[in-house]
Every structure is written in structure tokens, then in C-alpha cells.
């Protein structure tokens, strides 16, 4: 995905946001594994549970934004304060 907006009223399968470069994906339900794999930009907003995020989603190469359960955890190539706290507490599901 390079632009535009996708709103998913339910849940998503594997690899939601795979190789995303721009635009916005909003998922109102849950996502399966490998969420955000090789993401480079855009905004991925998951309102529900995530089986696990792909570790590549949190690469410095990802200049996008990841919001999970209404908390911005990643922005412009780095963890947010809230994301770091969730990571330290083991609350962020990484695969």
C-alpha cells in the first residue's frame, strides 16, 4: 500500500500492513500474526488484539506510525515512550 485509506470493520488475517509504504489502515477488530511485516511508512492502527507483530515492523527503516489499542507505540523510526514501556513490561506481542 502506498496511499489511501482502508477501514476494516472486523478482523484481519496474517501480514496486515505487509510492505506498507504510505496511507492508513484502520482495523477495528483483531489481527493474526506477522502484523506490520516490512512496513516502511504510513499508519497502521489496530484497535483489537494482535496475535503478534513482526519484529521488522519496528525497524528504524519504518518511518511510519503504529497504533495499537489506541496507544501510539511506534513513530518515525523509533519507539514512543508508551511503546517502550509496553515493550519493557512484555505487553507488546512480538514474533
PDB file of N, CA and C in Angstrom:
ATOM      1  N   UNK A   1       0.850  -1.180   0.000  1.00  0.00           N
ATOM      2  CA  UNK A   1       0.000   0.000   0.000  1.00  0.00           C
ATOM      3  C   UNK A   1       0.893   1.239   0.000  1.00  0.00           C
ATOM      4  N   UNK A   2       0.565   2.189  -0.861  1.00  0.00           N
ATOM      5  CA  UNK A   2       1.356   3.409  -0.960  1.00  0.00           C
ATOM      6  C   UNK A   2       0.564   4.661  -0.585  1.00  0.00           C
ATOM      7  N   UNK A   3      -0.740   4.565  -0.542  1.00  0.00           N
ATOM      8  CA  UNK A   3      -1.563   5.718  -0.205  1.00  0.00           C
ATOM      9  C   UNK A   3      -3.001   5.293  -0.002  1.00  0.00           C
ATOM     10  N   UNK A   4      -3.840   6.245   0.315  1.00  0.00           N
ATOM     11  CA  UNK A   4      -5.254   5.949   0.517  1.00  0.00           C
ATOM     12  C   UNK A   4      -5.550   5.512   1.934  1.00  0.00           C
ATOM     13  N   UNK A   5      -6.757   4.995   2.097  1.00  0.00           N
ATOM     14  CA  UNK A   5      -7.229   4.612   3.427  1.00  0.00           C
ATOM     15  C   UNK A   5      -8.067   3.346   3.317  1.00  0.00           C
ATOM     16  N   UNK A   6      -7.790   2.399   4.195  1.00  0.00           N
ATOM     17  CA  UNK A   6      -8.576   1.164   4.288  1.00  0.00           C
ATOM     18  C   UNK A   6      -9.099   1.077   5.711  1.00  0.00           C
ATOM     19  N   UNK A   7     -10.400   0.874   5.847  1.00  0.00           N
ATOM     20  CA  UNK A   7     -11.004   0.658   7.160  1.00  0.00           C
ATOM     21  C   UNK A   7     -11.604  -0.747   7.154  1.00  0.00           C
ATOM     22  N   UNK A   8     -11.154  -1.569   8.077  1.00  0.00           N
ATOM     23  CA  UNK A   8     -11.647  -2.931   8.206  1.00  0.00           C
ATOM     24  C   UNK A   8     -12.556  -2.962   9.428  1.00  0.00           C
ATOM     25  N   UNK A   9     -13.832  -3.232   9.197  1.00  0.00           N
ATOM     26  CA  UNK A   9     -14.806  -3.234  10.282  1.00  0.00           C
ATOM     27  C   UNK A   9     -14.629  -4.422  11.220  1.00  0.00           C
ATOM     28  N   UNK A  10     -14.077  -5.506  10.729  1.00  0.00           N
ATOM     29  CA  UNK A  10     -13.852  -6.699  11.543  1.00  0.00           C
ATOM     30  C   UNK A  10     -12.377  -6.917  11.777  1.00  0.00           C
ATOM     31  N   UNK A  11     -11.943  -8.187  11.647  1.00  0.00           N
ATOM     32  CA  UNK A  11     -10.554  -8.551  11.870  1.00  0.00           C
ATOM     33  C   UNK A  11      -9.825  -8.825  10.570  1.00  0.00           C
ATOM     34  N   UNK A  12      -8.520  -9.048  10.692  1.00  0.00           N
ATOM     35  CA  UNK A  12      -7.659  -9.319   9.535  1.00  0.00           C
ATOM     36  C   UNK A  12      -6.855 -10.575   9.770  1.00  0.00           C
ATOM     37  N   UNK A  13      -6.417 -11.153   8.676  1.00  0.00           N
ATOM     38  CA  UNK A  13      -5.565 -12.329   8.739  1.00  0.00           C
ATOM     39  C   UNK A  13      -4.115 -11.950   8.964  1.00  0.00           C
ATOM     40  N   UNK A  14      -3.240 -12.769   8.417  1.00  0.00           N
ATOM     41  CA  UNK A  14      -1.797 -12.585   8.585  1.00  0.00           C
ATOM     42  C   UNK A  14      -1.268 -11.437   7.727  1.00  0.00           C
ATOM     43  N   UNK A  15      -0.176 -10.864   8.189  1.00  0.00           N
ATOM     44  CA  UNK A  15       0.610  -9.876   7.452  1.00  0.00           C
ATOM     45  C   UNK A  15      -0.151  -8.588   7.123  1.00  0.00           C
ATOM     46  N   UNK A  16      -1.014  -8.152   7.999  1.00  0.00           N
ATOM     47  CA  UNK A  16      -1.691  -6.871   7.796  1.00  0.00           C
ATOM     48  C   UNK A  16      -0.642  -5.763   7.745  1.00  0.00           C
ATOM     49  N   UNK A  17      -0.673  -4.953   6.711  1.00  0.00           N
ATOM     50  CA  UNK A  17       0.287  -3.870   6.546  1.00  0.00           C
ATOM     51  C   UNK A  17       1.627  -4.306   5.966  1.00  0.00           C
ATOM     52  N   UNK A  18       1.688  -5.521   5.410  1.00  0.00           N
ATOM     53  CA  UNK A  18       2.939  -6.035   4.838  1.00  0.00           C
ATOM     54  C   UNK A  18       3.469  -5.097   3.756  1.00  0.00           C
ATOM     55  N   UNK A  19       4.688  -4.657   3.895  1.00  0.00           N
ATOM     56  CA  UNK A  19       5.388  -3.759   2.970  1.00  0.00           C
ATOM     57  C   UNK A  19       4.652  -2.435   2.743  1.00  0.00           C
ATOM     58  N   UNK A  20       3.874  -2.027   3.696  1.00  0.00           N
ATOM     59  CA  UNK A  20       3.134  -0.766   3.600  1.00  0.00           C
ATOM     60  C   UNK A  20       4.124   0.394   3.509  1.00  0.00           C
ATOM     61  N   UNK A  21       3.851   1.325   2.591  1.00  0.00           N
ATOM     62  CA  UNK A  21       4.741   2.469   2.402  1.00  0.00           C
ATOM     63  C   UNK A  21       4.069   3.800   2.719  1.00  0.00           C
ATOM     64  N   UNK A  22       2.765   3.834   2.676  1.00  0.00           N
ATOM     65  CA  UNK A  22       2.037   5.067   2.943  1.00  0.00           C
ATOM     66  C   UNK A  22       0.570   4.772   3.134  1.00  0.00           C
ATOM     67  N   UNK A  23      -0.207   5.803   3.351  1.00  0.00           N
ATOM     68  CA  UNK A  23      -1.644   5.633   3.558  1.00  0.00           C
ATOM     69  C   UNK A  23      -1.963   5.265   4.988  1.00  0.00           C
ATOM     70  N   UNK A  24      -3.184   4.782   5.172  1.00  0.00           N
ATOM     71  CA  UNK A  24      -3.662   4.469   6.519  1.00  0.00           C
ATOM     72  C   UNK A  24      -4.507   3.209   6.475  1.00  0.00           C
ATOM     73  N   UNK A  25      -4.240   2.289   7.391  1.00  0.00           N
ATOM     74  CA  UNK A  25      -5.069   1.096   7.583  1.00  0.00           C
ATOM     75  C   UNK A  25      -5.582   1.143   9.009  1.00  0.00           C
ATOM     76  N   UNK A  26      -6.892   1.080   9.146  1.00  0.00           N
ATOM     77  CA  UNK A  26      -7.532   1.026  10.461  1.00  0.00           C
ATOM     78  C   UNK A  26      -8.264  -0.309  10.552  1.00  0.00           C
ATOM     79  N   UNK A  27      -7.925  -1.102  11.556  1.00  0.00           N
ATOM     80  CA  UNK A  27      -8.575  -2.389  11.776  1.00  0.00           C
ATOM     81  C   UNK A  27      -9.321  -2.299  13.102  1.00  0.00           C
ATOM     82  N   UNK A  28     -10.644  -2.429  13.033  1.00  0.00           N
ATOM     83  CA  UNK A  28     -11.459  -2.291  14.242  1.00  0.00           C
ATOM     84  C   UNK A  28     -11.511  -3.577  15.060  1.00  0.00           C
ATOM     85  N   UNK A  29     -11.085  -4.686  14.464  1.00  0.00           N
ATOM     86  CA  UNK A  29     -11.059  -5.961  15.164  1.00  0.00           C
ATOM     87  C   UNK A  29      -9.635  -6.406  15.449  1.00  0.00           C
ATOM     88  N   UNK A  30      -9.444  -7.725  15.452  1.00  0.00           N
ATOM     89  CA  UNK A  30      -8.159  -8.337  15.775  1.00  0.00           C
ATOM     90  C   UNK A  30      -7.365  -8.655  14.513  1.00  0.00           C
ATOM     91  N   UNK A  31      -6.063  -8.866  14.675  1.00  0.00           N
ATOM     92  CA  UNK A  31      -5.182  -9.269  13.569  1.00  0.00           C
ATOM     93  C   UNK A  31      -4.404 -10.520  13.949  1.00  0.00           C
ATOM     94  N   UNK A  32      -4.143 -11.344  12.947  1.00  0.00           N
ATOM     95  CA  UNK A  32      -3.304 -12.520  13.163  1.00  0.00           C
ATOM     96  C   UNK A  32      -1.839 -12.109  13.147  1.00  0.00           C
ATOM     97  N   UNK A  33      -0.945 -13.066  13.029  1.00  0.00           N
ATOM     98  CA  UNK A  33       0.493 -12.849  13.130  1.00  0.00           C
ATOM     99  C   UNK A  33       1.119 -12.103  11.963  1.00  0.00           C
ATOM    100  N   UNK A  34       2.357 -11.742  12.168  1.00  0.00           N
ATOM    101  CA  UNK A  34       3.203 -11.036  11.203  1.00  0.00           C
ATOM    102  C   UNK A  34       2.643  -9.666  10.844  1.00  0.00           C
ATOM    103  N   UNK A  35       1.896  -9.075  11.757  1.00  0.00           N
ATOM    104  CA  UNK A  35       1.329  -7.754  11.524  1.00  0.00           C
ATOM    105  C   UNK A  35       2.454  -6.730  11.352  1.00  0.00           C
ATOM    106  N   UNK A  36       2.340  -5.901  10.328  1.00  0.00           N
ATOM    107  CA  UNK A  36       3.314  -4.845  10.065  1.00  0.00           C
ATOM    108  C   UNK A  36       4.618  -5.299   9.442  1.00  0.00           C
ATOM    109  N   UNK A  37       4.651  -6.533   8.930  1.00  0.00           N
ATOM    110  CA  UNK A  37       5.912  -7.053   8.402  1.00  0.00           C
ATOM    111  C   UNK A  37       6.478  -6.178   7.287  1.00  0.00           C
ATOM    112  N   UNK A  38       7.719  -5.800   7.448  1.00  0.00           N
ATOM    113  CA  UNK A  38       8.488  -4.994   6.486  1.00  0.00           C
ATOM    114  C   UNK A  38       7.806  -3.671   6.132  1.00  0.00           C
ATOM    115  N   UNK A  39       7.067  -3.136   7.083  1.00  0.00           N
ATOM    116  CA  UNK A  39       6.417  -1.842   6.916  1.00  0.00           C
ATOM    117  C   UNK A  39       7.487  -0.764   6.795  1.00  0.00           C
ATOM    118  N   UNK A  40       7.247   0.235   5.918  1.00  0.00           N
ATOM    119  CA  UNK A  40       8.208   1.321   5.712  1.00  0.00           C
ATOM    120  C   UNK A  40       7.616   2.695   6.008  1.00  0.00           C
ATOM    121  N   UNK A  41       6.297   2.811   5.999  1.00  0.00           N
ATOM    122  CA  UNK A  41       5.660   4.107   6.220  1.00  0.00           C
ATOM    123  C   UNK A  41       4.165   3.948   6.342  1.00  0.00           C
ATOM    124  N   UNK A  42       3.484   5.065   6.453  1.00  0.00           N
ATOM    125  CA  UNK A  42       2.033   5.050   6.604  1.00  0.00           C
ATOM    126  C   UNK A  42       1.635   4.905   8.062  1.00  0.00           C
ATOM    127  N   UNK A  43       0.355   4.673   8.262  1.00  0.00           N
ATOM    128  CA  UNK A  43      -0.170   4.496   9.614  1.00  0.00           C
ATOM    129  C   UNK A  43      -0.958   3.208   9.689  1.00  0.00           C
ATOM    130  N   UNK A  44      -0.585   2.360  10.634  1.00  0.00           N
ATOM    131  CA  UNK A  44      -1.277   1.106  10.899  1.00  0.00           C
ATOM    132  C   UNK A  44      -1.910   1.242  12.277  1.00  0.00           C
ATOM    133  N   UNK A  45      -3.237   1.189  12.335  1.00  0.00           N
ATOM    134  CA  UNK A  45      -3.970   1.409  13.573  1.00  0.00           C
ATOM    135  C   UNK A  45      -4.831   0.172  13.841  1.00  0.00           C
ATOM    136  N   UNK A  46      -4.418  -0.613  14.832  1.00  0.00           N
ATOM    137  CA  UNK A  46      -5.132  -1.850  15.194  1.00  0.00           C
ATOM    138  C   UNK A  46      -5.852  -1.602  16.511  1.00  0.00           C
ATOM    139  N   UNK A  47      -7.175  -1.671  16.477  1.00  0.00           N
ATOM    140  CA  UNK A  47      -7.973  -1.396  17.675  1.00  0.00           C
ATOM    141  C   UNK A  47      -8.096  -2.623  18.586  1.00  0.00           C
ATOM    142  N   UNK A  48      -8.015  -3.820  18.001  1.00  0.00           N
ATOM    143  CA  UNK A  48      -8.193  -5.037  18.774  1.00  0.00           C
ATOM    144  C   UNK A  48      -6.880  -5.698  19.145  1.00  0.00           C
ATOM    145  N   UNK A  49      -6.947  -6.991  19.354  1.00  0.00           N
ATOM    146  CA  UNK A  49      -5.771  -7.786  19.720  1.00  0.00           C
ATOM    147  C   UNK A  49      -4.918  -8.066  18.489  1.00  0.00           C
ATOM    148  N   UNK A  50      -3.653  -8.363  18.716  1.00  0.00           N
ATOM    149  CA  UNK A  50      -2.734  -8.780  17.661  1.00  0.00           C
ATOM    150  C   UNK A  50      -2.090 -10.070  18.124  1.00  0.00           C
ATOM    151  N   UNK A  51      -2.164 -11.116  17.283  1.00  0.00           N
ATOM    152  CA  UNK A  51      -1.502 -12.374  17.634  1.00  0.00           C
ATOM    153  C   UNK A  51      -0.025 -12.093  17.893  1.00  0.00           C
ATOM    154  N   UNK A  52       0.642 -11.438  16.944  1.00  0.00           N
ATOM    155  CA  UNK A  52       1.976 -10.894  17.166  1.00  0.00           C
ATOM    156  C   UNK A  52       2.367  -9.969  16.023  1.00  0.00           C
ATOM    157  N   UNK A  53       3.129  -8.950  16.382  1.00  0.00           N
ATOM    158  CA  UNK A  53       3.707  -8.045  15.402  1.00  0.00           C
ATOM    159  C   UNK A  53       5.006  -8.670  14.889  1.00  0.00           C
ATOM    160  N   UNK A  54       5.265  -8.528  13.609  1.00  0.00           N
ATOM    161  CA  UNK A  54       6.543  -8.948  13.066  1.00  0.00           C
ATOM    162  C   UNK A  54       7.610  -7.970  13.583  1.00  0.00           C
ATOM    163  N   UNK A  55       8.741  -8.488  14.010  1.00  0.00           N
ATOM    164  CA  UNK A  55       9.801  -7.621  14.545  1.00  0.00           C
ATOM    165  C   UNK A  55      10.272  -6.587  13.525  1.00  0.00           C
ATOM    166  N   UNK A  56      10.156  -6.906  12.229  1.00  0.00           N
ATOM    167  CA  UNK A  56      10.585  -5.966  11.192  1.00  0.00           C
ATOM    168  C   UNK A  56       9.734  -4.693  11.174  1.00  0.00           C
ATOM    169  N   UNK A  57       8.541  -4.749  11.771  1.00  0.00           N
ATOM    170  CA  UNK A  57       7.688  -3.555  11.838  1.00  0.00           C
ATOM    171  C   UNK A  57       8.346  -2.467  12.672  1.00  0.00           C
ATOM    172  N   UNK A  58       9.239  -2.875  13.570  1.00  0.00           N
ATOM    173  CA  UNK A  58       9.883  -1.940  14.477  1.00  0.00           C
ATOM    174  C   UNK A  58      11.356  -1.728  14.118  1.00  0.00           C
ATOM    175  N   UNK A  59      11.608  -1.702  12.819  1.00  0.00           N
ATOM    176  CA  UNK A  59      12.936  -1.403  12.293  1.00  0.00           C
ATOM    177  C   UNK A  59      13.069   0.105  12.128  1.00  0.00           C
ATOM    178  N   UNK A  60      14.278   0.662  12.312  1.00  0.00           N
ATOM    179  CA  UNK A  60      14.466   2.097  12.061  1.00  0.00           C
ATOM    180  C   UNK A  60      14.094   2.499  10.632  1.00  0.00           C
ATOM    181  N   UNK A  61      14.026   1.519   9.717  1.00  0.00           N
ATOM    182  CA  UNK A  61      13.615   1.796   8.336  1.00  0.00           C
ATOM    183  C   UNK A  61      12.133   2.125   8.230  1.00  0.00           C
ATOM    184  N   UNK A  62      11.359   1.768   9.256  1.00  0.00           N
ATOM    185  CA  UNK A  62       9.927   2.055   9.245  1.00  0.00           C
ATOM    186  C   UNK A  62       9.702   3.465   9.776  1.00  0.00           C
ATOM    187  N   UNK A  63       9.471   4.387   8.873  1.00  0.00           N
ATOM    188  CA  UNK A  63       9.234   5.785   9.238  1.00  0.00           C
ATOM    189  C   UNK A  63       7.752   6.072   9.451  1.00  0.00           C
ATOM    190  N   UNK A  64       6.956   5.017   9.518  1.00  0.00           N
ATOM    191  CA  UNK A  64       5.517   5.161   9.713  1.00  0.00           C
ATOM    192  C   UNK A  64       5.125   5.213  11.171  1.00  0.00           C
ATOM    193  N   UNK A  65       3.833   4.997  11.403  1.00  0.00           N
ATOM    194  CA  UNK A  65       3.248   5.043  12.740  1.00  0.00           C
ATOM    195  C   UNK A  65       2.474   3.758  12.984  1.00  0.00           C
ATOM    196  N   UNK A  66       2.650   3.179  14.169  1.00  0.00           N
ATOM    197  CA  UNK A  66       1.863   2.015  14.578  1.00  0.00           C
ATOM    198  C   UNK A  66       1.123   2.380  15.854  1.00  0.00           C
ATOM    199  N   UNK A  67      -0.200   2.221  15.792  1.00  0.00           N
ATOM    200  CA  UNK A  67      -1.068   2.487  16.938  1.00  0.00           C
ATOM    201  C   UNK A  67      -1.747   1.167  17.284  1.00  0.00           C
ATOM    202  N   UNK A  68      -1.654   0.781  18.545  1.00  0.00           N
ATOM    203  CA  UNK A  68      -2.276  -0.475  18.975  1.00  0.00           C
ATOM    204  C   UNK A  68      -3.112  -0.197  20.213  1.00  0.00           C
ATOM    205  N   UNK A  69      -4.373  -0.565  20.126  1.00  0.00           N
ATOM    206  CA  UNK A  69      -5.315  -0.357  21.229  1.00  0.00           C
ATOM    207  C   UNK A  69      -5.309   1.102  21.686  1.00  0.00           C
ATOM    208  N   UNK A  70      -5.362   2.012  20.708  1.00  0.00           N
ATOM    209  CA  UNK A  70      -5.420   3.455  20.952  1.00  0.00           C
ATOM    210  C   UNK A  70      -4.150   4.031  21.587  1.00  0.00           C
ATOM    211  N   UNK A  71      -3.031   3.298  21.510  1.00  0.00           N
ATOM    212  CA  UNK A  71      -1.754   3.787  22.025  1.00  0.00           C
ATOM    213  C   UNK A  71      -0.749   3.814  20.888  1.00  0.00           C
ATOM    214  N   UNK A  72      -0.168   4.972  20.639  1.00  0.00           N
ATOM    215  CA  UNK A  72       0.873   5.086  19.618  1.00  0.00           C
ATOM    216  C   UNK A  72       2.139   4.468  20.183  1.00  0.00           C
ATOM    217  N   UNK A  73       2.583   3.351  19.568  1.00  0.00           N
ATOM    218  CA  UNK A  73       3.753   2.637  20.087  1.00  0.00           C
ATOM    219  C   UNK A  73       5.012   2.877  19.248  1.00  0.00           C
ATOM    220  N   UNK A  74       4.848   3.301  18.003  1.00  0.00           N
ATOM    221  CA  UNK A  74       5.978   3.485  17.087  1.00  0.00           C
ATOM    222  C   UNK A  74       5.716   4.697  16.210  1.00  0.00           C
ATOM    223  N   UNK A  75       6.741   5.526  16.018  1.00  0.00           N
ATOM    224  CA  UNK A  75       6.568   6.678  15.144  1.00  0.00           C
ATOM    225  C   UNK A  75       7.918   7.125  14.591  1.00  0.00           C
ATOM    226  N   UNK A  76       7.965   7.293  13.274  1.00  0.00           N
ATOM    227  CA  UNK A  76       9.130   7.836  12.580  1.00  0.00           C
ATOM    228  C   UNK A  76      10.445   7.132  12.923  1.00  0.00           C
ATOM    229  N   UNK A  77      10.425   5.804  12.896  1.00  0.00           N
ATOM    230  CA  UNK A  77      11.653   5.034  13.072  1.00  0.00           C
ATOM    231  C   UNK A  77      12.074   4.750  14.493  1.00  0.00           C
ATOM    232  N   UNK A  78      11.189   5.033  15.463  1.00  0.00           N
ATOM    233  CA  UNK A  78      11.578   4.760  16.851  1.00  0.00           C
ATOM    234  C   UNK A  78      10.350   4.521  17.735  1.00  0.00           C
ATOM    235  N   UNK A  79      10.616   3.918  18.885  1.00  0.00           N
ATOM    236  CA  UNK A  79       9.570   3.670  19.861  1.00  0.00           C
ATOM    237  C   UNK A  79       9.104   4.987  20.468  1.00  0.00           C
ATOM    238  N   UNK A  80       7.823   5.061  20.762  1.00  0.00           N
ATOM    239  CA  UNK A  80       7.319   6.165  21.573  1.00  0.00           C
ATOM    240  C   UNK A  80       7.590   5.801  23.037  1.00  0.00           C
ATOM    241  N   UNK A  81       7.418   6.753  23.918  1.00  0.00           N
ATOM    242  CA  UNK A  81       7.594   6.486  25.354  1.00  0.00           C
ATOM    243  C   UNK A  81       6.648   5.364  25.797  1.00  0.00           C
ATOM    244  N   UNK A  82       5.395   5.445  25.341  1.00  0.00           N
ATOM    245  CA  UNK A  82       4.395   4.427  25.705  1.00  0.00           C
ATOM    246  C   UNK A  82       4.774   3.063  25.128  1.00  0.00           C
ATOM    247  N   UNK A  83       5.281   3.053  23.898  1.00  0.00           N
ATOM    248  CA  UNK A  83       5.706   1.805  23.272  1.00  0.00           C
ATOM    249  C   UNK A  83       6.860   1.163  24.010  1.00  0.00           C
ATOM    250  N   UNK A  84       7.830   1.978  24.433  1.00  0.00           N
ATOM    251  CA  UNK A  84       8.965   1.457  25.210  1.00  0.00           C
ATOM    252  C   UNK A  84       8.490   0.840  26.519  1.00  0.00           C
ATOM    253  N   UNK A  85       7.547   1.511  27.175  1.00  0.00           N
ATOM    254  CA  UNK A  85       7.013   0.992  28.434  1.00  0.00           C
ATOM    255  C   UNK A  85       6.310  -0.341  28.223  1.00  0.00           C
ATOM    256  N   UNK A  86       5.512  -0.444  27.168  1.00  0.00           N
ATOM    257  CA  UNK A  86       4.813  -1.696  26.878  1.00  0.00           C
ATOM    258  C   UNK A  86       5.806  -2.808  26.557  1.00  0.00           C
ATOM    259  N   UNK A  87       6.854  -2.472  25.824  1.00  0.00           N
ATOM    260  CA  UNK A  87       7.883  -3.440  25.465  1.00  0.00           C
ATOM    261  C   UNK A  87       8.599  -3.940  26.716  1.00  0.00           C
ATOM    262  N   UNK A  88       8.987  -3.048  27.597  1.00  0.00           N
ATOM    263  CA  UNK A  88       9.674  -3.416  28.835  1.00  0.00           C
ATOM    264  C   UNK A  88       8.821  -4.306  29.729  1.00  0.00           C
ATOM    265  N   UNK A  89       7.530  -4.056  29.752  1.00  0.00           N
ATOM    266  CA  UNK A  89       6.604  -4.850  30.582  1.00  0.00           C
ATOM    267  C   UNK A  89       6.204  -6.163  29.920  1.00  0.00           C
ATOM    268  N   UNK A  90       6.631  -6.368  28.674  1.00  0.00           N
ATOM    269  CA  UNK A  90       6.264  -7.594  27.953  1.00  0.00           C
ATOM    270  C   UNK A  90       4.824  -7.596  27.466  1.00  0.00           C
ATOM    271  N   UNK A  91       4.223  -6.422  27.345  1.00  0.00           N
ATOM    272  CA  UNK A  91       2.829  -6.319  26.926  1.00  0.00           C
ATOM    273  C   UNK A  91       2.655  -6.294  25.413  1.00  0.00           C
ATOM    274  N   UNK A  92       3.737  -6.037  24.694  1.00  0.00           N
ATOM    275  CA  UNK A  92       3.670  -5.916  23.237  1.00  0.00           C
ATOM    276  C   UNK A  92       3.975  -7.280  22.622  1.00  0.00           C
ATOM    277  N   UNK A  93       3.036  -7.859  21.897  1.00  0.00           N
ATOM    278  CA  UNK A  93       3.240  -9.199  21.320  1.00  0.00           C
ATOM    279  C   UNK A  93       4.150  -9.160  20.075  1.00  0.00           C
ATOM    280  N   UNK A  94       5.409  -9.556  20.269  1.00  0.00           N
ATOM    281  CA  UNK A  94       6.367  -9.592  19.162  1.00  0.00           C
ATOM    282  C   UNK A  94       6.628 -11.038  18.753  1.00  0.00           C
ATOM    283  N   UNK A  95       6.765 -11.252  17.448  1.00  0.00           N
ATOM    284  CA  UNK A  95       7.038 -12.606  16.950  1.00  0.00           C
ATOM    285  C   UNK A  95       8.375 -12.698  16.292  1.00  0.00           C
TER     286      UNK A  95
END
